[in-house]
């Protein structure tokens, strides 16, 4: 009955609550790990890539819905927020209904991950469990990561290093420093999105004790943090040069100038609703970097 209620009530708002413009965060590690495995001479099972992508989507959506519910419950989301619509705060669905929807997506992530667990064993099962738990604990539980200033660390680890390295392990039955390198690169770019969220919501977050890095250290720090997250992946290309893969170092630089313009725009723009547009642009740059790195690994 509850499921039918959720599906009947404004499905477009539920879709928006999943934050589709940021779901590129789930695509990037799967793409990069798959093409890195090919680059290293392994045969890639693309069916597993699809299952990994679906599972990642569901974990991210479950995390976003949990965030929607608990940010409202803790007072971080009010009618004064300048970010995108939140369905719990708007009263489109109740707190319990949004949490139920989050649980459904977390459950689907497990279902889609079954072939991955069969292939990768206990390491994959453990990673899945920790990922779901961390997604829930981002805003919930006794130690909500996002409220303790650990949001950036969470994204870098789970949407960068861990996702890329573990899926590479599934495809190759081994770990690689290169998968960690690639994971750090795309993880840093992915973290730009949470950093933009945090600087946009800094004033409201401070009022309810959501001590993000932007709250702790201020707007100038947050803008410098975004600059570091944007540029660092390009400088890390030197490691690809050192191991004889120059295309992997050079090809992502196609978007270096747009990245520079984006960073300067953020630095010179006062906090306001326009940061919602910046969030979408940050997601696009992250996705573009991951696709260029994937292409480079394919042709290197």
Protein backbone atom coordinates (compact mmCIF):
# COMPACT_ATOMS: atom_id res chain seq x y z
CA UNK A 1 0.00 0.00 0.00
CA UNK A 2 2.79 2.40 0.93
CA UNK A 3 4.63 1.56 -2.28
CA UNK A 4 1.54 2.38 -4.34
CA UNK A 5 1.15 5.67 -2.49
CA UNK A 6 4.73 6.68 -3.26
CA UNK A 7 4.38 5.77 -6.92
CA UNK A 8 1.09 7.64 -7.29
CA UNK A 9 2.16 10.89 -5.65
CA UNK A 10 4.04 13.22 -7.95
CA UNK A 11 6.58 10.85 -9.46
CA UNK A 12 8.34 13.80 -11.08
CA UNK A 13 9.18 15.17 -7.64
CA UNK A 14 10.48 11.77 -6.58
CA UNK A 15 12.62 11.71 -9.71
CA UNK A 16 13.98 15.16 -8.86
CA UNK A 17 14.73 13.97 -5.33
CA UNK A 18 16.97 11.29 -6.86
CA UNK A 19 19.04 14.22 -8.24
CA UNK A 20 19.45 12.82 -11.76
CA UNK A 21 21.93 15.52 -12.81
CA UNK A 22 24.43 14.16 -10.29
CA UNK A 23 24.04 10.47 -11.16
CA UNK A 24 27.10 10.75 -13.38
CA UNK A 25 28.91 10.07 -10.10
CA UNK A 26 27.88 6.43 -10.47
CA UNK A 27 28.81 6.18 -14.17
CA UNK A 28 32.38 7.47 -13.90
CA UNK A 29 34.02 4.73 -11.77
CA UNK A 30 32.35 1.91 -13.72
CA UNK A 31 33.45 3.38 -17.05
CA UNK A 32 37.02 4.11 -15.98
CA UNK A 33 37.50 0.72 -14.28
CA UNK A 34 36.15 -1.12 -17.33
CA UNK A 35 38.44 0.63 -19.79
CA UNK A 36 41.42 0.41 -17.46
CA UNK A 37 40.91 -3.36 -17.33
CA UNK A 38 40.89 -3.42 -21.15
CA UNK A 39 44.00 -1.24 -21.17
CA UNK A 40 45.74 -3.81 -18.98
CA UNK A 41 44.88 -6.67 -21.34
CA UNK A 42 41.84 -8.17 -19.61
CA UNK A 43 38.62 -9.23 -21.31
CA UNK A 44 35.79 -7.14 -19.90
CA UNK A 45 32.41 -8.68 -19.15
CA UNK A 46 30.18 -5.75 -20.08
CA UNK A 47 27.15 -7.40 -18.50
CA UNK A 48 28.91 -7.03 -15.16
CA UNK A 49 29.54 -3.39 -15.99
CA UNK A 50 25.81 -2.88 -16.49
CA UNK A 51 24.99 -4.57 -13.18
CA UNK A 52 27.62 -2.46 -11.43
CA UNK A 53 26.16 0.69 -12.96
CA UNK A 54 22.61 -0.19 -11.88
CA UNK A 55 23.73 -1.06 -8.36
CA UNK A 56 25.70 2.18 -8.10
CA UNK A 57 22.74 4.20 -9.32
CA UNK A 58 20.53 2.66 -6.65
CA UNK A 59 23.03 3.27 -3.84
CA UNK A 60 23.38 6.90 -4.87
CA UNK A 61 19.61 7.41 -5.14
CA UNK A 62 19.08 5.71 -1.77
CA UNK A 63 21.69 8.01 -0.26
CA UNK A 64 20.07 11.09 -1.80
CA UNK A 65 16.61 10.15 -0.50
CA UNK A 66 17.98 9.45 2.98
CA UNK A 67 19.63 12.85 2.84
CA UNK A 68 16.32 14.44 1.78
CA UNK A 69 14.49 12.92 4.74
CA UNK A 70 17.03 13.54 7.50
CA UNK A 71 18.06 17.04 6.42
CA UNK A 72 14.40 17.99 6.81
CA UNK A 73 14.08 16.23 10.16
CA UNK A 74 17.18 17.98 11.50
CA UNK A 75 16.08 21.39 10.24
CA UNK A 76 18.69 21.84 7.52
CA UNK A 77 16.01 22.00 4.82
CA UNK A 78 13.51 24.81 5.29
CA UNK A 79 11.42 26.99 3.01
CA UNK A 80 14.36 29.45 2.93
CA UNK A 81 16.83 27.05 1.30
CA UNK A 82 18.07 28.06 -2.15
CA UNK A 83 18.86 24.57 -3.36
CA UNK A 84 16.67 22.33 -5.54
CA UNK A 85 13.30 21.08 -4.28
CA UNK A 86 13.32 18.61 -1.42
CA UNK A 87 10.24 16.39 -1.31
CA UNK A 88 10.18 15.90 2.45
CA UNK A 89 10.45 19.60 3.20
CA UNK A 90 7.78 20.38 0.60
CA UNK A 91 5.41 17.83 2.14
CA UNK A 92 5.10 15.89 -1.12
CA UNK A 93 5.94 12.72 0.80
CA UNK A 94 6.28 12.14 4.52
CA UNK A 95 9.54 11.43 6.29
CA UNK A 96 8.67 7.73 6.60
CA UNK A 97 7.63 7.45 2.96
CA UNK A 98 10.90 8.97 1.74
CA UNK A 99 12.88 6.63 3.98
CA UNK A 100 10.87 3.71 2.64
CA UNK A 101 11.72 4.78 -0.91
CA UNK A 102 15.39 5.00 0.10
CA UNK A 103 15.22 1.47 1.53
CA UNK A 104 13.71 0.22 -1.73
CA UNK A 105 16.63 1.61 -3.71
CA UNK A 106 19.19 0.23 -1.26
CA UNK A 107 17.46 -3.14 -1.63
CA UNK A 108 17.59 -2.89 -5.41
CA UNK A 109 21.31 -2.14 -5.19
CA UNK A 110 21.80 -5.48 -3.44
CA UNK A 111 19.69 -7.28 -6.05
CA UNK A 112 21.66 -5.82 -8.95
CA UNK A 113 24.93 -6.62 -7.16
CA UNK A 114 24.26 -10.36 -6.88
CA UNK A 115 26.21 -11.21 -10.09
CA UNK A 116 29.04 -8.97 -8.86
CA UNK A 117 29.15 -10.78 -5.52
CA UNK A 118 29.13 -14.16 -7.27
CA UNK A 119 32.15 -13.03 -9.31
CA UNK A 120 34.05 -11.11 -6.63
CA UNK A 121 33.11 -12.91 -3.43
CA UNK A 122 33.35 -11.62 0.10
CA UNK A 123 35.33 -8.49 -0.81
CA UNK A 124 32.51 -7.27 -3.04
CA UNK A 125 29.80 -8.25 -0.54
CA UNK A 126 31.62 -6.40 2.22
CA UNK A 127 32.15 -3.33 0.07
CA UNK A 128 28.46 -3.26 -0.85
CA UNK A 129 27.41 -3.50 2.79
CA UNK A 130 29.79 -0.72 3.85
CA UNK A 131 28.69 1.47 0.93
CA UNK A 132 25.01 1.17 1.85
CA UNK A 133 25.76 1.78 5.52
CA UNK A 134 27.86 4.84 4.67
CA UNK A 135 25.12 6.12 2.35
CA UNK A 136 22.65 5.93 5.21
CA UNK A 137 25.07 7.42 7.71
CA UNK A 138 25.83 10.40 5.48
CA UNK A 139 22.99 12.25 7.21
CA UNK A 140 21.56 9.66 9.62
CA UNK A 141 22.66 7.65 12.61
CA UNK A 142 24.67 8.68 15.67
CA UNK A 143 27.59 9.99 13.58
CA UNK A 144 26.21 11.60 10.40
CA UNK A 145 29.20 12.08 8.13
CA UNK A 146 27.84 15.11 6.32
CA UNK A 147 27.22 16.90 9.62
CA UNK A 148 30.78 16.24 10.83
CA UNK A 149 32.59 17.80 7.88
CA UNK A 150 33.34 14.43 6.28
CA UNK A 151 31.15 14.77 3.19
CA UNK A 152 34.08 15.36 0.87
CA UNK A 153 35.95 12.36 2.28
CA UNK A 154 32.84 10.21 1.83
CA UNK A 155 32.47 11.14 -1.85
CA UNK A 156 36.18 10.79 -2.66
CA UNK A 157 36.29 7.33 -1.10
CA UNK A 158 33.00 5.79 -2.20
CA UNK A 159 32.47 7.45 -5.59
CA UNK A 160 36.14 7.49 -6.47
CA UNK A 161 38.76 5.20 -4.95
CA UNK A 162 36.59 2.36 -3.62
CA UNK A 163 34.12 2.19 -6.51
CA UNK A 164 36.85 2.21 -9.16
CA UNK A 165 39.25 -0.15 -7.40
CA UNK A 166 36.64 -2.72 -6.36
CA UNK A 167 35.00 -2.89 -9.78
CA UNK A 168 38.45 -3.24 -11.36
CA UNK A 169 38.95 -6.12 -8.90
CA UNK A 170 35.68 -7.72 -10.03
CA UNK A 171 36.81 -7.60 -13.66
CA UNK A 172 40.41 -8.68 -13.13
CA UNK A 173 40.50 -10.57 -9.80
CA UNK A 174 43.23 -8.21 -8.63
CA UNK A 175 43.89 -4.72 -7.34
CA UNK A 176 46.05 -2.13 -9.06
CA UNK A 177 47.67 1.15 -8.11
CA UNK A 178 46.45 2.45 -11.45
CA UNK A 179 42.83 1.85 -10.46
CA UNK A 180 43.51 3.79 -7.27
CA UNK A 181 45.10 6.63 -9.27
CA UNK A 182 42.16 6.81 -11.65
CA UNK A 183 39.77 6.56 -8.71
CA UNK A 184 41.39 9.52 -6.99
CA UNK A 185 41.19 11.60 -10.17
CA UNK A 186 37.50 11.04 -10.81
CA UNK A 187 36.76 11.09 -7.09
CA UNK A 188 38.23 14.58 -6.73
CA UNK A 189 36.10 15.86 -9.60
CA UNK A 190 33.04 14.16 -8.14
CA UNK A 191 33.70 15.86 -4.80
CA UNK A 192 33.27 19.23 -6.53
CA UNK A 193 29.51 18.60 -6.49
CA UNK A 194 29.28 18.17 -2.72
CA UNK A 195 31.58 21.16 -2.22
CA UNK A 196 29.25 23.33 -4.33
CA UNK A 197 26.27 22.05 -2.33
CA UNK A 198 28.01 22.90 0.92
CA UNK A 199 29.04 26.42 -0.01
CA UNK A 200 25.53 27.14 -1.34
CA UNK A 201 23.90 25.90 1.89
CA UNK A 202 26.56 27.23 4.28
CA UNK A 203 24.41 29.76 6.16
CA UNK A 204 21.45 27.44 6.67
CA UNK A 205 23.69 24.52 7.61
CA UNK A 206 25.47 26.58 10.26
CA UNK A 207 22.16 27.32 12.00
CA UNK A 208 21.40 23.62 12.57
CA UNK A 209 24.90 22.42 13.41
CA UNK A 210 25.68 20.84 10.05
CA UNK A 211 29.39 21.54 10.27
CA UNK A 212 30.54 21.06 6.71
CA UNK A 213 33.98 22.32 5.70
CA UNK A 214 32.30 25.41 4.23
CA UNK A 215 30.68 26.09 7.62
CA UNK A 216 33.86 25.41 9.58
CA UNK A 217 36.28 27.45 7.46
CA UNK A 218 34.17 29.93 5.51
CA UNK A 219 33.36 30.91 1.95
CA UNK A 220 36.89 31.74 0.77
CA UNK A 221 38.17 28.38 1.98
CA UNK A 222 35.29 26.62 0.23
CA UNK A 223 36.02 28.35 -3.08
CA UNK A 224 39.72 27.48 -2.78
CA UNK A 225 38.71 23.90 -2.01
CA UNK A 226 36.62 23.76 -5.19
CA UNK A 227 39.57 25.11 -7.19
CA UNK A 228 41.85 22.40 -5.79
CA UNK A 229 39.31 19.66 -6.52
CA UNK A 230 38.89 20.89 -10.09
CA UNK A 231 42.57 21.26 -10.99
CA UNK A 232 44.25 18.43 -9.05
CA UNK A 233 43.07 15.62 -11.38
CA UNK A 234 44.79 17.30 -14.32
CA UNK A 235 48.10 17.65 -12.46
CA UNK A 236 47.87 14.00 -11.45
CA UNK A 237 48.19 13.19 -15.14
CA UNK A 238 51.95 13.32 -14.62
CA UNK A 239 51.72 9.84 -13.07
CA UNK A 240 50.30 8.48 -16.33
CA UNK A 241 53.21 10.07 -18.16
CA UNK A 242 55.69 8.41 -15.82
CA UNK A 243 54.30 4.95 -16.56
CA UNK A 244 54.31 5.49 -20.32
CA UNK A 245 50.64 6.29 -20.93
CA UNK A 246 50.78 9.86 -22.28
CA UNK A 247 47.30 9.80 -23.83
CA UNK A 248 45.76 9.22 -20.40
CA UNK A 249 47.62 12.29 -19.19
CA UNK A 250 46.91 14.56 -22.15
CA UNK A 251 43.42 13.75 -23.48
CA UNK A 252 41.49 14.81 -20.32
CA UNK A 253 43.16 18.22 -20.67
CA UNK A 254 40.70 18.91 -23.51
CA UNK A 255 38.38 20.27 -20.80
CA UNK A 256 41.05 22.17 -18.87
CA UNK A 257 40.07 25.59 -20.24
CA UNK A 258 36.32 25.10 -19.57
CA UNK A 259 37.32 23.96 -16.08
CA UNK A 260 39.37 27.13 -15.60
CA UNK A 261 36.43 29.31 -16.72
CA UNK A 262 34.07 27.41 -14.43
CA UNK A 263 36.36 27.84 -11.43
CA UNK A 264 36.74 31.59 -12.07
CA UNK A 265 32.98 31.98 -12.40
CA UNK A 266 32.42 30.29 -9.03
CA UNK A 267 35.14 32.39 -7.40
CA UNK A 268 33.59 35.65 -8.63
CA UNK A 269 29.91 34.82 -8.07
CA UNK A 270 28.11 35.58 -4.78
CA UNK A 271 26.22 32.71 -3.16
CA UNK A 272 22.72 32.38 -4.58
CA UNK A 273 20.34 30.20 -6.63
CA UNK A 274 22.79 30.26 -9.55
CA UNK A 275 24.84 27.70 -7.61
CA UNK A 276 22.19 25.14 -8.56
CA UNK A 277 23.33 25.70 -12.15
CA UNK A 278 26.94 25.37 -11.04
CA UNK A 279 26.09 21.97 -9.57
CA UNK A 280 24.91 20.73 -12.97
CA UNK A 281 28.00 22.18 -14.67
CA UNK A 282 30.25 20.50 -12.11
CA UNK A 283 28.55 17.17 -12.82
CA UNK A 284 29.06 17.69 -16.55
CA UNK A 285 32.78 18.39 -16.13
CA UNK A 286 33.16 15.34 -13.90
CA UNK A 287 31.40 13.16 -16.46
CA UNK A 288 33.46 14.65 -19.31
CA UNK A 289 36.74 14.02 -17.51
CA UNK A 290 35.78 10.40 -16.83
CA UNK A 291 34.76 9.79 -20.45
CA UNK A 292 37.98 11.35 -21.78
CA UNK A 293 40.08 9.28 -19.38
CA UNK A 294 38.16 6.16 -20.41
CA UNK A 295 38.73 6.94 -24.10
CA UNK A 296 42.41 7.57 -23.43
CA UNK A 297 42.75 4.19 -21.73
CA UNK A 298 41.03 2.55 -24.70
CA UNK A 299 43.37 4.03 -27.32
CA UNK A 300 46.62 4.33 -25.33
